[in-house]
Amino acid sequence: MWDAVLARFEKQAPASVMARLALERAMPAAWIDEVFETHRQRQYPRELLFSTVVELMSLVS
C-alpha cells in the first residue's frame, strides 16, 4: 500500500519526497529523543516517544 502512495508522490511532488528523505537521514529518531530528554522541563515520554510524535506529524504535513 505505502509503495503505491510513495510512487504517486514521487511523480506529483518529487521535491517533497526528497526533502522528507533528507530530514529522515539528517535527524535520526535517537537524536530527536536525546534533544527532548536534554531540554524537557515537565514533559515526560509516557506512551509515545517524542520521535514518534515527530514522525506522525511529518506524515500530516
N, C-alpha and C. Protein backbone atom coordinates (compact mmCIF):
# COMPACT_ATOMS: atom_id res chain seq x y z
N MET A 1 0.82 -1.19 0.00
CA MET A 1 0.00 0.00 0.00
C MET A 1 0.86 1.26 0.00
N TRP A 2 1.86 1.31 0.90
CA TRP A 2 2.67 2.52 1.00
C TRP A 2 3.52 2.73 -0.24
N ASP A 3 3.88 1.66 -0.91
CA ASP A 3 4.65 1.80 -2.15
C ASP A 3 3.86 2.56 -3.20
N ALA A 4 2.57 2.29 -3.29
CA ALA A 4 1.71 2.99 -4.26
C ALA A 4 1.57 4.46 -3.90
N VAL A 5 1.41 4.73 -2.62
CA VAL A 5 1.29 6.13 -2.17
C VAL A 5 2.58 6.88 -2.44
N LEU A 6 3.71 6.26 -2.09
CA LEU A 6 5.00 6.90 -2.31
C LEU A 6 5.26 7.12 -3.80
N ALA A 7 4.90 6.16 -4.63
CA ALA A 7 5.09 6.30 -6.07
C ALA A 7 4.28 7.47 -6.61
N ARG A 8 3.07 7.64 -6.11
CA ARG A 8 2.23 8.77 -6.55
C ARG A 8 2.88 10.10 -6.17
N PHE A 9 3.38 10.18 -4.94
CA PHE A 9 4.02 11.42 -4.51
C PHE A 9 5.32 11.67 -5.26
N GLU A 10 6.05 10.62 -5.59
CA GLU A 10 7.28 10.79 -6.36
C GLU A 10 7.00 11.42 -7.71
N LYS A 11 5.88 11.08 -8.30
CA LYS A 11 5.53 11.63 -9.61
C LYS A 11 4.98 13.05 -9.49
N GLN A 12 4.15 13.30 -8.47
CA GLN A 12 3.48 14.59 -8.36
C GLN A 12 4.29 15.63 -7.60
N ALA A 13 5.10 15.21 -6.65
CA ALA A 13 5.85 16.17 -5.82
C ALA A 13 7.21 15.59 -5.45
N PRO A 14 8.10 15.44 -6.42
CA PRO A 14 9.40 14.82 -6.11
C PRO A 14 10.23 15.61 -5.11
N ALA A 15 10.12 16.93 -5.11
CA ALA A 15 10.90 17.74 -4.17
C ALA A 15 10.47 17.46 -2.73
N SER A 16 9.19 17.27 -2.52
CA SER A 16 8.69 16.96 -1.17
C SER A 16 9.22 15.62 -0.68
N VAL A 17 9.24 14.64 -1.56
CA VAL A 17 9.75 13.32 -1.19
C VAL A 17 11.23 13.41 -0.86
N MET A 18 11.98 14.14 -1.67
CA MET A 18 13.42 14.29 -1.42
C MET A 18 13.67 15.01 -0.10
N ALA A 19 12.89 16.05 0.18
CA ALA A 19 13.07 16.80 1.43
C ALA A 19 12.77 15.92 2.64
N ARG A 20 11.72 15.15 2.54
CA ARG A 20 11.36 14.26 3.65
C ARG A 20 12.46 13.22 3.90
N LEU A 21 12.95 12.61 2.84
CA LEU A 21 14.02 11.62 2.99
C LEU A 21 15.28 12.24 3.56
N ALA A 22 15.59 13.47 3.14
CA ALA A 22 16.77 14.16 3.67
C ALA A 22 16.61 14.43 5.17
N LEU A 23 15.42 14.85 5.59
CA LEU A 23 15.18 15.11 7.00
C LEU A 23 15.25 13.82 7.83
N GLU A 24 14.76 12.73 7.28
CA GLU A 24 14.83 11.46 7.99
C GLU A 24 16.28 11.04 8.21
N ARG A 25 17.13 11.31 7.23
CA ARG A 25 18.56 10.96 7.36
C ARG A 25 19.27 11.94 8.29
N ALA A 26 18.91 13.22 8.22
CA ALA A 26 19.60 14.25 8.99
C ALA A 26 19.24 14.21 10.47
N MET A 27 18.02 13.79 10.78
CA MET A 27 17.56 13.79 12.17
C MET A 27 17.05 12.41 12.56
N PRO A 28 17.95 11.52 12.96
CA PRO A 28 17.51 10.17 13.36
C PRO A 28 16.68 10.22 14.64
N ALA A 29 15.83 9.23 14.83
CA ALA A 29 14.92 9.19 15.97
C ALA A 29 15.67 9.27 17.30
N ALA A 30 16.79 8.60 17.41
CA ALA A 30 17.56 8.62 18.67
C ALA A 30 18.02 10.03 19.01
N TRP A 31 18.42 10.80 18.01
CA TRP A 31 18.87 12.18 18.24
C TRP A 31 17.70 13.05 18.70
N ILE A 32 16.54 12.89 18.06
CA ILE A 32 15.35 13.67 18.44
C ILE A 32 14.98 13.37 19.90
N ASP A 33 15.00 12.10 20.28
CA ASP A 33 14.69 11.73 21.66
C ASP A 33 15.72 12.29 22.64
N GLU A 34 16.98 12.31 22.24
CA GLU A 34 18.03 12.85 23.10
C GLU A 34 17.84 14.35 23.32
N VAL A 35 17.50 15.08 22.28
CA VAL A 35 17.24 16.52 22.41
C VAL A 35 16.05 16.75 23.34
N PHE A 36 15.00 15.96 23.19
CA PHE A 36 13.84 16.07 24.07
C PHE A 36 14.23 15.84 25.52
N GLU A 37 15.00 14.79 25.79
CA GLU A 37 15.42 14.49 27.16
C GLU A 37 16.27 15.61 27.74
N THR A 38 17.11 16.20 26.92
CA THR A 38 18.00 17.26 27.39
C THR A 38 17.24 18.53 27.74
N HIS A 39 16.22 18.87 26.97
CA HIS A 39 15.57 20.17 27.11
C HIS A 39 14.18 20.13 27.73
N ARG A 40 13.68 18.97 28.04
CA ARG A 40 12.34 18.92 28.62
C ARG A 40 12.38 19.46 30.04
N GLN A 41 11.25 20.01 30.45
CA GLN A 41 11.15 20.50 31.82
C GLN A 41 10.15 19.66 32.60
N ARG A 42 8.88 19.78 32.24
CA ARG A 42 7.87 18.99 32.93
C ARG A 42 7.26 17.91 32.04
N GLN A 43 7.62 17.88 30.78
CA GLN A 43 7.08 16.87 29.88
C GLN A 43 7.73 15.52 30.17
N TYR A 44 7.03 14.48 29.80
CA TYR A 44 7.57 13.14 30.01
C TYR A 44 7.12 12.22 28.88
N PRO A 45 7.93 11.23 28.54
CA PRO A 45 7.56 10.28 27.48
C PRO A 45 6.77 9.11 28.07
N ARG A 46 5.49 9.30 28.23
CA ARG A 46 4.68 8.29 28.90
C ARG A 46 4.34 7.12 27.98
N GLU A 47 3.68 7.40 26.89
CA GLU A 47 3.26 6.33 26.00
C GLU A 47 3.94 6.40 24.64
N LEU A 48 4.25 7.60 24.19
CA LEU A 48 4.91 7.78 22.89
C LEU A 48 6.23 8.49 23.09
N LEU A 49 7.24 8.05 22.38
CA LEU A 49 8.49 8.79 22.37
C LEU A 49 8.30 10.05 21.54
N PHE A 50 9.05 11.08 21.83
CA PHE A 50 8.93 12.33 21.08
C PHE A 50 9.23 12.11 19.61
N SER A 51 10.16 11.23 19.30
CA SER A 51 10.48 10.96 17.90
C SER A 51 9.29 10.35 17.17
N THR A 52 8.47 9.59 17.87
CA THR A 52 7.26 9.03 17.27
C THR A 52 6.27 10.13 16.94
N VAL A 53 6.13 11.10 17.84
CA VAL A 53 5.24 12.23 17.59
C VAL A 53 5.73 13.03 16.39
N VAL A 54 7.04 13.26 16.31
CA VAL A 54 7.61 13.98 15.17
C VAL A 54 7.34 13.23 13.88
N GLU A 55 7.51 11.92 13.89
CA GLU A 55 7.26 11.12 12.69
C GLU A 55 5.79 11.19 12.28
N LEU A 56 4.89 11.10 13.23
CA LEU A 56 3.46 11.18 12.92
C LEU A 56 3.09 12.55 12.36
N MET A 57 3.66 13.60 12.93
CA MET A 57 3.37 14.95 12.44
C MET A 57 3.93 15.16 11.03
N SER A 58 5.04 14.53 10.73
CA SER A 58 5.61 14.69 9.39
C SER A 58 4.74 14.00 8.34
N LEU A 59 3.99 12.99 8.74
CA LEU A 59 3.07 12.34 7.81
C LEU A 59 1.90 13.25 7.46
N VAL A 60 1.51 14.11 8.39
CA VAL A 60 0.38 15.00 8.18
C VAL A 60 0.79 16.22 7.38
N SER A 61 1.99 16.70 7.59
CA SER A 61 2.42 17.94 6.92
C SER A 61 2.85 17.72 5.50
